[in-house]
PDB file of N, CA and C in Angstrom:
ATOM      1  N   UNK A   1       0.874  -1.219   0.262  1.00  0.00           N
ATOM      2  CA  UNK A   1       0.084   0.174  -0.047  1.00  0.00           C
ATOM      3  C   UNK A   1       0.790   1.071  -0.102  1.00  0.00           C
ATOM      4  N   UNK A   2       1.670   1.491   0.896  1.00  0.00           N
ATOM      5  CA  UNK A   2       2.700   2.090   1.216  1.00  0.00           C
ATOM      6  C   UNK A   2       3.928   2.073   1.271  1.00  0.00           C
ATOM      7  N   UNK A   3       5.125   2.592   0.525  1.00  0.00           N
ATOM      8  CA  UNK A   3       6.151   2.258   0.500  1.00  0.00           C
ATOM      9  C   UNK A   3       7.142   3.438   1.302  1.00  0.00           C
ATOM     10  N   UNK A   4       8.164   3.315   1.928  1.00  0.00           N
ATOM     11  CA  UNK A   4       8.612   4.339   2.410  1.00  0.00           C
ATOM     12  C   UNK A   4       9.090   5.500   1.744  1.00  0.00           C
ATOM     13  N   UNK A   5       8.851   6.625   2.058  1.00  0.00           N
ATOM     14  CA  UNK A   5       8.347   7.957   1.533  1.00  0.00           C
ATOM     15  C   UNK A   5       7.604   8.220   0.244  1.00  0.00           C
ATOM     16  N   UNK A   6       6.194   7.310   0.358  1.00  0.00           N
ATOM     17  CA  UNK A   6       5.324   7.632  -0.514  1.00  0.00           C
ATOM     18  C   UNK A   6       4.588   8.650   0.007  1.00  0.00           C
ATOM     19  N   UNK A   7       4.136   9.476  -1.055  1.00  0.00           N
ATOM     20  CA  UNK A   7       3.610  10.829  -0.948  1.00  0.00           C
ATOM     21  C   UNK A   7       1.840  10.350  -0.973  1.00  0.00           C
ATOM     22  N   UNK A   8       1.023  10.810  -0.003  1.00  0.00           N
ATOM     23  CA  UNK A   8      -0.257  11.014  -0.005  1.00  0.00           C
ATOM     24  C   UNK A   8      -0.790  12.363   0.777  1.00  0.00           C
ATOM     25  N   UNK A   9      -2.062  12.370   0.269  1.00  0.00           N
ATOM     26  CA  UNK A   9      -2.922  13.096   0.979  1.00  0.00           C
ATOM     27  C   UNK A   9      -3.841  12.437   2.441  1.00  0.00           C
ATOM     28  N   UNK A  10      -4.015  12.865   3.424  1.00  0.00           N
ATOM     29  CA  UNK A  10      -4.916  12.303   4.389  1.00  0.00           C
ATOM     30  C   UNK A  10      -5.186  13.196   5.487  1.00  0.00           C
ATOM     31  N   UNK A  11      -6.291  13.013   6.089  1.00  0.00           N
ATOM     32  CA  UNK A  11      -7.042  13.524   7.074  1.00  0.00           C
ATOM     33  C   UNK A  11      -5.829  13.424   8.639  1.00  0.00           C
ATOM     34  N   UNK A  12      -5.329  14.593   8.973  1.00  0.00           N
ATOM     35  CA  UNK A  12      -4.901  14.498  10.359  1.00  0.00           C
ATOM     36  C   UNK A  12      -5.159  15.735  11.300  1.00  0.00           C
ATOM     37  N   UNK A  13      -5.626  15.337  12.193  1.00  0.00           N
ATOM     38  CA  UNK A  13      -6.184  16.253  13.492  1.00  0.00           C
ATOM     39  C   UNK A  13      -7.483  16.993  12.644  1.00  0.00           C
ATOM     40  N   UNK A  14      -8.307  16.560  11.968  1.00  0.00           N
ATOM     41  CA  UNK A  14      -9.581  17.295  10.779  1.00  0.00           C
ATOM     42  C   UNK A  14      -9.092  17.803   9.881  1.00  0.00           C
ATOM     43  N   UNK A  15      -7.681  18.330   9.648  1.00  0.00           N
ATOM     44  CA  UNK A  15      -7.292  19.037   8.540  1.00  0.00           C
ATOM     45  C   UNK A  15      -6.492  18.136   7.387  1.00  0.00           C
ATOM     46  N   UNK A  16      -6.893  18.711   6.342  1.00  0.00           N
ATOM     47  CA  UNK A  16      -5.999  17.736   4.576  1.00  0.00           C
ATOM     48  C   UNK A  16      -4.777  18.086   4.952  1.00  0.00           C
ATOM     49  N   UNK A  17      -3.903  17.408   4.800  1.00  0.00           N
ATOM     50  CA  UNK A  17      -2.387  17.601   4.629  1.00  0.00           C
ATOM     51  C   UNK A  17      -1.869  16.672   4.017  1.00  0.00           C
ATOM     52  N   UNK A  18      -0.604  16.713   3.136  1.00  0.00           N
ATOM     53  CA  UNK A  18       0.287  16.192   2.698  1.00  0.00           C
ATOM     54  C   UNK A  18       0.990  15.302   3.541  1.00  0.00           C
ATOM     55  N   UNK A  19       1.270  13.893   3.334  1.00  0.00           N
ATOM     56  CA  UNK A  19       1.843  13.026   4.232  1.00  0.00           C
ATOM     57  C   UNK A  19       2.837  11.955   3.166  1.00  0.00           C
ATOM     58  N   UNK A  20       3.978  11.772   3.983  1.00  0.00           N
ATOM     59  CA  UNK A  20       5.050  10.811   3.592  1.00  0.00           C
ATOM     60  C   UNK A  20       5.147   9.653   4.589  1.00  0.00           C
ATOM     61  N   UNK A  21       5.182   8.186   4.113  1.00  0.00           N
ATOM     62  CA  UNK A  21       5.213   7.072   4.946  1.00  0.00           C
ATOM     63  C   UNK A  21       6.692   7.221   5.691  1.00  0.00           C
ATOM     64  N   UNK A  22       6.882   6.944   6.926  1.00  0.00           N
ATOM     65  CA  UNK A  22       7.502   6.758   7.735  1.00  0.00           C
ATOM     66  C   UNK A  22       8.409   5.486   7.561  1.00  0.00           C
ATOM     67  N   UNK A  23       7.451   4.468   7.476  1.00  0.00           N
ATOM     68  CA  UNK A  23       8.507   3.041   7.039  1.00  0.00           C
ATOM     69  C   UNK A  23       7.045   2.497   5.875  1.00  0.00           C
ATOM     70  N   UNK A  24       7.387   1.263   5.510  1.00  0.00           N
ATOM     71  CA  UNK A  24       6.722   0.654   4.425  1.00  0.00           C
ATOM     72  C   UNK A  24       5.255   0.413   5.233  1.00  0.00           C
ATOM     73  N   UNK A  25       4.236  -0.041   4.687  1.00  0.00           N
ATOM     74  CA  UNK A  25       3.269  -0.410   5.502  1.00  0.00           C
ATOM     75  C   UNK A  25       2.255  -1.194   4.057  1.00  0.00           C
ATOM     76  N   UNK A  26       1.485  -2.203   4.659  1.00  0.00           N
ATOM     77  CA  UNK A  26       1.010  -3.237   3.765  1.00  0.00           C
ATOM     78  C   UNK A  26      -0.616  -3.177   3.891  1.00  0.00           C
ATOM     79  N   UNK A  27      -1.714  -3.603   3.332  1.00  0.00           N
ATOM     80  CA  UNK A  27      -2.585  -3.308   3.299  1.00  0.00           C
ATOM     81  C   UNK A  27      -3.409  -3.693   4.769  1.00  0.00           C
ATOM     82  N   UNK A  28      -2.850  -4.720   4.980  1.00  0.00           N
ATOM     83  CA  UNK A  28      -3.420  -4.950   6.296  1.00  0.00           C
ATOM     84  C   UNK A  28      -3.286  -3.998   7.421  1.00  0.00           C
ATOM     85  N   UNK A  29      -2.481  -3.096   7.813  1.00  0.00           N
ATOM     86  CA  UNK A  29      -2.027  -2.397   8.968  1.00  0.00           C
ATOM     87  C   UNK A  29      -3.530  -1.481   9.015  1.00  0.00           C
ATOM     88  N   UNK A  30      -3.627  -1.477   9.990  1.00  0.00           N
ATOM     89  CA  UNK A  30      -4.858  -0.215  10.328  1.00  0.00           C
ATOM     90  C   UNK A  30      -4.513   0.958  10.901  1.00  0.00           C
ATOM     91  N   UNK A  31      -3.045   1.033  10.931  1.00  0.00           N
ATOM     92  CA  UNK A  31      -2.803   2.380  11.458  1.00  0.00           C
ATOM     93  C   UNK A  31      -0.996   2.543  10.423  1.00  0.00           C
ATOM     94  N   UNK A  32      -1.337   4.121  10.402  1.00  0.00           N
ATOM     95  CA  UNK A  32      -0.217   4.494   9.043  1.00  0.00           C
ATOM     96  C   UNK A  32       1.031   5.521  10.143  1.00  0.00           C
ATOM     97  N   UNK A  33       2.274   4.998  10.425  1.00  0.00           N
ATOM     98  CA  UNK A  33       2.913   6.227  10.607  1.00  0.00           C
ATOM     99  C   UNK A  33       3.743   6.790   9.625  1.00  0.00           C
ATOM    100  N   UNK A  34       3.338   8.253  10.049  1.00  0.00           N
ATOM    101  CA  UNK A  34       3.860   9.332   8.959  1.00  0.00           C
ATOM    102  C   UNK A  34       4.447  10.560   9.169  1.00  0.00           C
ATOM    103  N   UNK A  35       5.098  11.146   8.471  1.00  0.00           N
ATOM    104  CA  UNK A  35       5.626  12.161   8.546  1.00  0.00           C
ATOM    105  C   UNK A  35       4.415  13.383   7.655  1.00  0.00           C
ATOM    106  N   UNK A  36       3.942  14.677   8.158  1.00  0.00           N
ATOM    107  CA  UNK A  36       3.399  15.413   8.224  1.00  0.00           C
ATOM    108  C   UNK A  36       3.680  16.734   7.435  1.00  0.00           C
ATOM    109  N   UNK A  37       3.156  17.243   6.394  1.00  0.00           N
ATOM    110  CA  UNK A  37       3.210  18.700   5.321  1.00  0.00           C
ATOM    111  C   UNK A  37       2.359  19.636   5.364  1.00  0.00           C
ATOM    112  N   UNK A  38       2.455  20.611   5.589  1.00  0.00           N
ATOM    113  CA  UNK A  38       1.580  21.677   5.698  1.00  0.00           C
ATOM    114  C   UNK A  38       1.655  22.476   3.987  1.00  0.00           C
ATOM    115  N   UNK A  39       0.635  23.238   3.785  1.00  0.00           N
ATOM    116  CA  UNK A  39       0.833  23.905   2.516  1.00  0.00           C
ATOM    117  C   UNK A  39       1.340  25.123   2.856  1.00  0.00           C
ATOM    118  N   UNK A  40       2.358  25.618   1.858  1.00  0.00           N
ATOM    119  CA  UNK A  40       2.750  26.918   1.799  1.00  0.00           C
ATOM    120  C   UNK A  40       2.376  28.015   0.648  1.00  0.00           C
ATOM    121  N   UNK A  41       1.597  26.986  -0.233  1.00  0.00           N
ATOM    122  CA  UNK A  41       1.113  27.409  -1.520  1.00  0.00           C
ATOM    123  C   UNK A  41       1.826  26.949  -2.671  1.00  0.00           C
ATOM    124  N   UNK A  42       1.265  27.471  -3.787  1.00  0.00           N
ATOM    125  CA  UNK A  42       1.647  26.898  -5.244  1.00  0.00           C
ATOM    126  C   UNK A  42       2.155  25.376  -5.217  1.00  0.00           C
ATOM    127  N   UNK A  43       2.109  24.628  -4.570  1.00  0.00           N
ATOM    128  CA  UNK A  43       2.832  23.084  -4.449  1.00  0.00           C
ATOM    129  C   UNK A  43       3.873  22.822  -3.846  1.00  0.00           C
ATOM    130  N   UNK A  44       3.779  23.709  -2.911  1.00  0.00           N
ATOM    131  CA  UNK A  44       5.473  23.828  -1.974  1.00  0.00           C
ATOM    132  C   UNK A  44       4.464  23.339  -0.298  1.00  0.00           C
ATOM    133  N   UNK A  45       5.013  22.608   0.125  1.00  0.00           N
ATOM    134  CA  UNK A  45       4.855  22.078   1.255  1.00  0.00           C
ATOM    135  C   UNK A  45       5.872  22.014   2.445  1.00  0.00           C
ATOM    136  N   UNK A  46       5.824  22.704   3.695  1.00  0.00           N
ATOM    137  CA  UNK A  46       6.428  22.403   4.801  1.00  0.00           C
ATOM    138  C   UNK A  46       6.457  21.630   5.733  1.00  0.00           C
ATOM    139  N   UNK A  47       7.372  20.963   6.213  1.00  0.00           N
ATOM    140  CA  UNK A  47       7.184  20.038   7.271  1.00  0.00           C
ATOM    141  C   UNK A  47       6.853  20.404   8.376  1.00  0.00           C
ATOM    142  N   UNK A  48       5.744  19.655   9.407  1.00  0.00           N
ATOM    143  CA  UNK A  48       4.984  20.208  10.566  1.00  0.00           C
ATOM    144  C   UNK A  48       6.166  20.266  11.692  1.00  0.00           C
ATOM    145  N   UNK A  49       5.751  20.402  12.556  1.00  0.00           N
ATOM    146  CA  UNK A  49       6.551  20.364  13.823  1.00  0.00           C
ATOM    147  C   UNK A  49       6.777  19.069  14.469  1.00  0.00           C
ATOM    148  N   UNK A  50       5.758  18.215  14.239  1.00  0.00           N
ATOM    149  CA  UNK A  50       5.483  16.723  14.678  1.00  0.00           C
ATOM    150  C   UNK A  50       6.508  16.027  14.269  1.00  0.00           C
ATOM    151  N   UNK A  51       7.261  15.195  15.225  1.00  0.00           N
ATOM    152  CA  UNK A  51       8.205  14.607  14.399  1.00  0.00           C
ATOM    153  C   UNK A  51       7.377  13.130  13.498  1.00  0.00           C
ATOM    154  N   UNK A  52       6.535  12.730  14.060  1.00  0.00           N
ATOM    155  CA  UNK A  52       5.679  11.686  13.453  1.00  0.00           C
ATOM    156  C   UNK A  52       4.190  11.718  13.984  1.00  0.00           C
ATOM    157  N   UNK A  53       3.610  11.230  12.991  1.00  0.00           N
ATOM    158  CA  UNK A  53       1.918  11.187  13.159  1.00  0.00           C
ATOM    159  C   UNK A  53       1.582   9.774  12.917  1.00  0.00           C
ATOM    160  N   UNK A  54       0.474   9.321  13.841  1.00  0.00           N
ATOM    161  CA  UNK A  54       0.015   7.774  13.326  1.00  0.00           C
ATOM    162  C   UNK A  54      -1.519   8.172  13.222  1.00  0.00           C
ATOM    163  N   UNK A  55      -1.824   8.039  12.117  1.00  0.00           N
ATOM    164  CA  UNK A  55      -3.249   8.074  11.737  1.00  0.00           C
ATOM    165  C   UNK A  55      -3.913   6.534  11.028  1.00  0.00           C
ATOM    166  N   UNK A  56      -5.146   6.508  11.191  1.00  0.00           N
ATOM    167  CA  UNK A  56      -5.911   5.409  10.548  1.00  0.00           C
ATOM    168  C   UNK A  56      -5.864   5.330   9.302  1.00  0.00           C
ATOM    169  N   UNK A  57      -5.715   3.988   9.017  1.00  0.00           N
ATOM    170  CA  UNK A  57      -5.751   3.963   7.622  1.00  0.00           C
ATOM    171  C   UNK A  57      -6.816   4.335   6.569  1.00  0.00           C
ATOM    172  N   UNK A  58      -8.057   4.283   7.154  1.00  0.00           N
ATOM    173  CA  UNK A  58      -9.383   5.031   6.492  1.00  0.00           C
ATOM    174  C   UNK A  58      -9.218   6.563   6.267  1.00  0.00           C
ATOM    175  N   UNK A  59      -8.152   7.045   7.275  1.00  0.00           N
ATOM    176  CA  UNK A  59      -8.030   8.602   6.707  1.00  0.00           C
ATOM    177  C   UNK A  59      -6.997   9.016   5.317  1.00  0.00           C
ATOM    178  N   UNK A  60      -6.882   8.050   5.206  1.00  0.00           N
ATOM    179  CA  UNK A  60      -6.089   7.931   4.004  1.00  0.00           C
ATOM    180  C   UNK A  60      -6.814   8.387   2.737  1.00  0.00           C
ATOM    181  N   UNK A  61      -6.596   9.560   2.209  1.00  0.00           N
ATOM    182  CA  UNK A  61      -7.805   9.864   0.912  1.00  0.00           C
ATOM    183  C   UNK A  61      -7.203   9.298  -0.504  1.00  0.00           C
ATOM    184  N   UNK A  62      -5.892  10.017  -0.937  1.00  0.00           N
ATOM    185  CA  UNK A  62      -5.357   9.420  -2.013  1.00  0.00           C
ATOM    186  C   UNK A  62      -3.813   9.484  -1.793  1.00  0.00           C
ATOM    187  N   UNK A  63      -3.155   8.413  -2.445  1.00  0.00           N
ATOM    188  CA  UNK A  63      -1.944   8.136  -2.879  1.00  0.00           C
ATOM    189  C   UNK A  63      -0.910   8.461  -4.383  1.00  0.00           C
ATOM    190  N   UNK A  64      -0.373   9.275  -4.198  1.00  0.00           N
ATOM    191  CA  UNK A  64       0.283  10.020  -5.483  1.00  0.00           C
ATOM    192  C   UNK A  64       1.075   8.757  -5.868  1.00  0.00           C
ATOM    193  N   UNK A  65       1.112   7.876  -7.181  1.00  0.00           N
ATOM    194  CA  UNK A  65       1.932   7.221  -7.872  1.00  0.00           C
ATOM    195  C   UNK A  65       3.515   7.638  -7.442  1.00  0.00           C
ATOM    196  N   UNK A  66       4.222   6.693  -7.689  1.00  0.00           N
ATOM    197  CA  UNK A  66       5.642   6.503  -7.291  1.00  0.00           C
ATOM    198  C   UNK A  66       6.323   7.246  -8.393  1.00  0.00           C
ATOM    199  N   UNK A  67       5.668   7.053  -9.419  1.00  0.00           N
ATOM    200  CA  UNK A  67       6.458   7.559 -10.586  1.00  0.00           C
ATOM    201  C   UNK A  67       6.538   9.088 -10.765  1.00  0.00           C
ATOM    202  N   UNK A  68       5.268  10.041 -10.303  1.00  0.00           N
ATOM    203  CA  UNK A  68       5.457  11.788 -10.059  1.00  0.00           C
ATOM    204  C   UNK A  68       6.717  11.642  -9.358  1.00  0.00           C
ATOM    205  N   UNK A  69       7.162  12.968 -10.284  1.00  0.00           N
ATOM    206  CA  UNK A  69       8.434  13.460  -9.371  1.00  0.00           C
ATOM    207  C   UNK A  69       7.989  14.488  -8.409  1.00  0.00           C
ATOM    208  N   UNK A  70       8.706  14.217  -7.283  1.00  0.00           N
ATOM    209  CA  UNK A  70       8.263  15.070  -5.875  1.00  0.00           C
ATOM    210  C   UNK A  70      10.134  15.771  -5.874  1.00  0.00           C
ATOM    211  N   UNK A  71       9.941  16.954  -6.134  1.00  0.00           N
ATOM    212  CA  UNK A  71      11.278  17.837  -5.825  1.00  0.00           C
ATOM    213  C   UNK A  71      11.313  18.216  -4.150  1.00  0.00           C
ATOM    214  N   UNK A  72      12.380  17.749  -3.806  1.00  0.00           N
ATOM    215  CA  UNK A  72      12.755  18.293  -2.194  1.00  0.00           C
ATOM    216  C   UNK A  72      13.890  19.307  -2.440  1.00  0.00           C
ATOM    217  N   UNK A  73      13.480  20.527  -2.675  1.00  0.00           N
ATOM    218  CA  UNK A  73      15.208  21.575  -2.610  1.00  0.00           C
ATOM    219  C   UNK A  73      15.545  21.232  -1.345  1.00  0.00           C
ATOM    220  N   UNK A  74      14.983  21.194  -0.241  1.00  0.00           N
ATOM    221  CA  UNK A  74      15.702  21.093   1.266  1.00  0.00           C
ATOM    222  C   UNK A  74      15.073  19.884   1.753  1.00  0.00           C
ATOM    223  N   UNK A  75      15.665  19.925   3.096  1.00  0.00           N
ATOM    224  CA  UNK A  75      15.100  18.360   3.803  1.00  0.00           C
ATOM    225  C   UNK A  75      13.682  18.599   4.222  1.00  0.00           C
ATOM    226  N   UNK A  76      13.283  19.908   4.712  1.00  0.00           N
ATOM    227  CA  UNK A  76      11.932  19.934   5.018  1.00  0.00           C
ATOM    228  C   UNK A  76      10.908  20.477   4.031  1.00  0.00           C
ATOM    229  N   UNK A  77      11.317  20.264   2.946  1.00  0.00           N
ATOM    230  CA  UNK A  77      10.481  20.849   2.145  1.00  0.00           C
ATOM    231  C   UNK A  77       9.970  20.124   0.671  1.00  0.00           C
ATOM    232  N   UNK A  78       8.716  19.883   0.352  1.00  0.00           N
ATOM    233  CA  UNK A  78       8.490  18.821  -0.592  1.00  0.00           C
ATOM    234  C   UNK A  78       7.696  19.863  -1.774  1.00  0.00           C
ATOM    235  N   UNK A  79       7.926  19.491  -2.904  1.00  0.00           N
ATOM    236  CA  UNK A  79       7.052  20.379  -3.755  1.00  0.00           C
ATOM    237  C   UNK A  79       6.576  19.327  -4.717  1.00  0.00           C
ATOM    238  N   UNK A  80       5.203  19.574  -5.079  1.00  0.00           N
ATOM    239  CA  UNK A  80       4.471  18.543  -5.982  1.00  0.00           C
ATOM    240  C   UNK A  80       4.204  19.166  -7.469  1.00  0.00           C
ATOM    241  N   UNK A  81       4.038  18.261  -7.886  1.00  0.00           N
ATOM    242  CA  UNK A  81       3.787  18.890  -9.602  1.00  0.00           C
ATOM    243  C   UNK A  81       2.272  19.568  -9.534  1.00  0.00           C
ATOM    244  N   UNK A  82       2.180  20.260 -10.397  1.00  0.00           N
ATOM    245  CA  UNK A  82       0.757  21.121 -10.288  1.00  0.00           C
ATOM    246  C   UNK A  82      -0.497  20.181 -10.727  1.00  0.00           C
ATOM    247  N   UNK A  83       0.026  19.269 -11.510  1.00  0.00           N
ATOM    248  CA  UNK A  83      -1.387  18.366 -11.255  1.00  0.00           C
ATOM    249  C   UNK A  83      -2.020  17.640  -9.619  1.00  0.00           C
ATOM    250  N   UNK A  84      -0.968  17.126  -9.319  1.00  0.00           N
ATOM    251  CA  UNK A  84      -1.016  16.627  -7.998  1.00  0.00           C
ATOM    252  C   UNK A  84      -1.474  17.904  -6.646  1.00  0.00           C
ATOM    253  N   UNK A  85      -1.027  18.662  -6.683  1.00  0.00           N
ATOM    254  CA  UNK A  85      -1.110  19.812  -6.103  1.00  0.00           C
ATOM    255  C   UNK A  85      -2.593  20.229  -6.303  1.00  0.00           C
ATOM    256  N   UNK A  86      -3.095  20.594  -7.448  1.00  0.00           N
ATOM    257  CA  UNK A  86      -4.479  20.534  -7.963  1.00  0.00           C
ATOM    258  C   UNK A  86      -5.494  19.477  -6.981  1.00  0.00           C
ATOM    259  N   UNK A  87      -5.161  18.358  -7.374  1.00  0.00           N
ATOM    260  CA  UNK A  87      -6.130  17.417  -6.496  1.00  0.00           C
ATOM    261  C   UNK A  87      -5.779  17.579  -5.129  1.00  0.00           C
ATOM    262  N   UNK A  88      -4.635  17.846  -4.425  1.00  0.00           N
ATOM    263  CA  UNK A  88      -4.698  18.225  -2.853  1.00  0.00           C
ATOM    264  C   UNK A  88      -5.761  19.598  -2.563  1.00  0.00           C
ATOM    265  N   UNK A  89      -5.913  20.380  -3.269  1.00  0.00           N
ATOM    266  CA  UNK A  89      -6.711  21.821  -3.019  1.00  0.00           C
ATOM    267  C   UNK A  89      -7.966  21.135  -3.345  1.00  0.00           C
ATOM    268  N   UNK A  90      -8.619  20.418  -4.253  1.00  0.00           N
ATOM    269  CA  UNK A  90      -9.788  19.785  -4.424  1.00  0.00           C
ATOM    270  C   UNK A  90     -10.014  18.856  -3.207  1.00  0.00           C
ATOM    271  N   UNK A  91      -9.369  18.141  -2.731  1.00  0.00           N
ATOM    272  CA  UNK A  91      -9.760  17.565  -1.591  1.00  0.00           C
ATOM    273  C   UNK A  91      -9.855  18.063  -0.393  1.00  0.00           C
ATOM    274  N   UNK A  92      -9.027  19.292  -0.010  1.00  0.00           N
ATOM    275  CA  UNK A  92      -8.992  20.206   0.971  1.00  0.00           C
ATOM    276  C   UNK A  92     -10.574  20.724   1.090  1.00  0.00           C
ATOM    277  N   UNK A  93     -10.841  21.566  -0.105  1.00  0.00           N
ATOM    278  CA  UNK A  93     -12.112  22.152  -0.599  1.00  0.00           C
ATOM    279  C   UNK A  93     -13.294  21.364  -0.175  1.00  0.00           C
ATOM    280  N   UNK A  94     -13.257  20.252  -0.625  1.00  0.00           N
ATOM    281  CA  UNK A  94     -14.572  19.240  -0.501  1.00  0.00           C
ATOM    282  C   UNK A  94     -14.509  19.140   1.014  1.00  0.00           C
ATOM    283  N   UNK A  95     -13.275  18.801   1.591  1.00  0.00           N
ATOM    284  CA  UNK A  95     -13.355  18.671   3.210  1.00  0.00           C
ATOM    285  C   UNK A  95     -14.328  19.816   3.919  1.00  0.00           C
ATOM    286  N   UNK A  96     -13.627  21.093   3.782  1.00  0.00           N
ATOM    287  CA  UNK A  96     -14.113  22.190   4.173  1.00  0.00           C
ATOM    288  C   UNK A  96     -15.469  22.409   4.168  1.00  0.00           C
ATOM    289  N   UNK A  97     -16.337  22.420   2.508  1.00  0.00           N
ATOM    290  CA  UNK A  97     -17.700  22.256   2.188  1.00  0.00           C
ATOM    291  C   UNK A  97     -18.560  21.602   3.047  1.00  0.00           C
ATOM    292  N   UNK A  98     -17.890  20.014   3.350  1.00  0.00           N
ATOM    293  CA  UNK A  98     -18.582  19.235   3.924  1.00  0.00           C
ATOM    294  C   UNK A  98     -18.750  19.671   5.552  1.00  0.00           C
ATOM    295  N   UNK A  99     -17.713  20.002   5.900  1.00  0.00           N
ATOM    296  CA  UNK A  99     -17.609  20.555   7.752  1.00  0.00           C
ATOM    297  C   UNK A  99     -18.779  21.417   7.569  1.00  0.00           C
ATOM    298  N   UNK A 100     -18.759  22.556   6.851  1.00  0.00           N
ATOM    299  CA  UNK A 100     -19.720  23.758   6.950  1.00  0.00           C
ATOM    300  C   UNK A 100     -21.178  23.114   6.597  1.00  0.00           C
ATOM    301  N   UNK A 101     -21.450  22.055   5.566  1.00  0.00           N
ATOM    302  CA  UNK A 101     -22.580  21.603   5.204  1.00  0.00           C
ATOM    303  C   UNK A 101     -23.353  21.154   6.458  1.00  0.00           C
ATOM    304  N   UNK A 102     -22.356  20.241   7.789  1.00  0.00           N
ATOM    305  CA  UNK A 102     -22.600  19.981   8.577  1.00  0.00           C
ATOM    306  C   UNK A 102     -22.905  20.609   9.997  1.00  0.00           C
ATOM    307  N   UNK A 103     -22.042  21.810   9.781  1.00  0.00           N
ATOM    308  CA  UNK A 103     -22.463  22.599  11.006  1.00  0.00           C
ATOM    309  C   UNK A 103     -23.504  23.362  10.638  1.00  0.00           C
ATOM    310  N   UNK A 104     -23.881  23.883   9.563  1.00  0.00           N
ATOM    311  CA  UNK A 104     -25.367  24.479   9.007  1.00  0.00           C
ATOM    312  C   UNK A 104     -26.086  23.563   9.584  1.00  0.00           C
ATOM    313  N   UNK A 105     -26.428  22.421   9.264  1.00  0.00           N
ATOM    314  CA  UNK A 105     -27.303  21.463   9.274  1.00  0.00           C
ATOM    315  C   UNK A 105     -27.759  21.274  10.893  1.00  0.00           C
ATOM    316  N   UNK A 106     -26.624  21.176  11.752  1.00  0.00           N
ATOM    317  CA  UNK A 106     -26.538  21.430  13.375  1.00  0.00           C
ATOM    318  C   UNK A 106     -27.317  22.662  13.685  1.00  0.00           C
ATOM    319  N   UNK A 107     -26.801  23.565  13.450  1.00  0.00           N
ATOM    320  CA  UNK A 107     -27.595  25.090  13.590  1.00  0.00           C
ATOM    321  C   UNK A 107     -28.921  25.133  13.222  1.00  0.00           C
ATOM    322  N   UNK A 108     -29.427  24.408  11.841  1.00  0.00           N
ATOM    323  CA  UNK A 108     -30.751  24.662  11.725  1.00  0.00           C
ATOM    324  C   UNK A 108     -31.840  23.499  12.408  1.00  0.00           C
ATOM    325  N   UNK A 109     -31.145  22.530  12.885  1.00  0.00           N
ATOM    326  CA  UNK A 109     -31.722  21.458  13.996  1.00  0.00           C
ATOM    327  C   UNK A 109     -31.826  22.072  14.991  1.00  0.00           C
ATOM    328  N   UNK A 110     -30.604  22.509  15.675  1.00  0.00           N
ATOM    329  CA  UNK A 110     -30.961  23.281  17.009  1.00  0.00           C
ATOM    330  C   UNK A 110     -32.281  24.204  17.332  1.00  0.00           C
ATOM    331  N   UNK A 111     -32.090  25.372  16.027  1.00  0.00           N
ATOM    332  CA  UNK A 111     -33.171  26.003  15.570  1.00  0.00           C
ATOM    333  C   UNK A 111     -34.288  25.951  16.170  1.00  0.00           C
ATOM    334  N   UNK A 112     -34.529  24.732  15.300  1.00  0.00           N
ATOM    335  CA  UNK A 112     -36.007  24.110  14.914  1.00  0.00           C
ATOM    336  C   UNK A 112     -36.349  23.293  16.588  1.00  0.00           C
ATOM    337  N   UNK A 113     -35.206  22.675  17.020  1.00  0.00           N
ATOM    338  CA  UNK A 113     -35.475  21.997  18.066  1.00  0.00           C
ATOM    339  C   UNK A 113     -35.759  23.153  19.263  1.00  0.00           C
ATOM    340  N   UNK A 114     -35.129  24.196  19.668  1.00  0.00           N
ATOM    341  CA  UNK A 114     -35.537  25.033  20.496  1.00  0.00           C
ATOM    342  C   UNK A 114     -36.718  25.796  20.079  1.00  0.00           C
ATOM    343  N   UNK A 115     -37.543  26.145  18.997  1.00  0.00           N
ATOM    344  CA  UNK A 115     -38.698  26.911  18.514  1.00  0.00           C
ATOM    345  C   UNK A 115     -39.703  25.460  19.063  1.00  0.00           C
ATOM    346  N   UNK A 116     -39.687  24.399  18.989  1.00  0.00           N
ATOM    347  CA  UNK A 116     -40.709  23.531  19.340  1.00  0.00           C
ATOM    348  C   UNK A 116     -40.783  22.783  20.484  1.00  0.00           C
ATOM    349  N   UNK A 117     -39.380  23.039  21.253  1.00  0.00           N
ATOM    350  CA  UNK A 117     -39.500  22.305  22.921  1.00  0.00           C
ATOM    351  C   UNK A 117     -39.293  23.400  23.753  1.00  0.00           C
TER     352      UNK A 117
END
């Protein structure tokens, strides 16, 4: 499933972030050890302060193919190709829209519940 250094998009602490595998994982693993990166804009990602994160395998959204070129100009910097970056942005926006929709539904439910109870 993930080899060492594989690049993927995952949900970590309710945020969509870029991750790289800390060591090889197979499909039977329920949890993955990953290094996390946050977006600095335009396809550039910076390593976070956390040394390593353990995430559930179900929180992995997409794994980018190993054939894609990932440029690392510095040790803590990762640069994605534009197509991969656009996929990251799409997944992040979809998660934000989903969270806003849930918040709005809860707000409507609370208003309706307060009105009739």
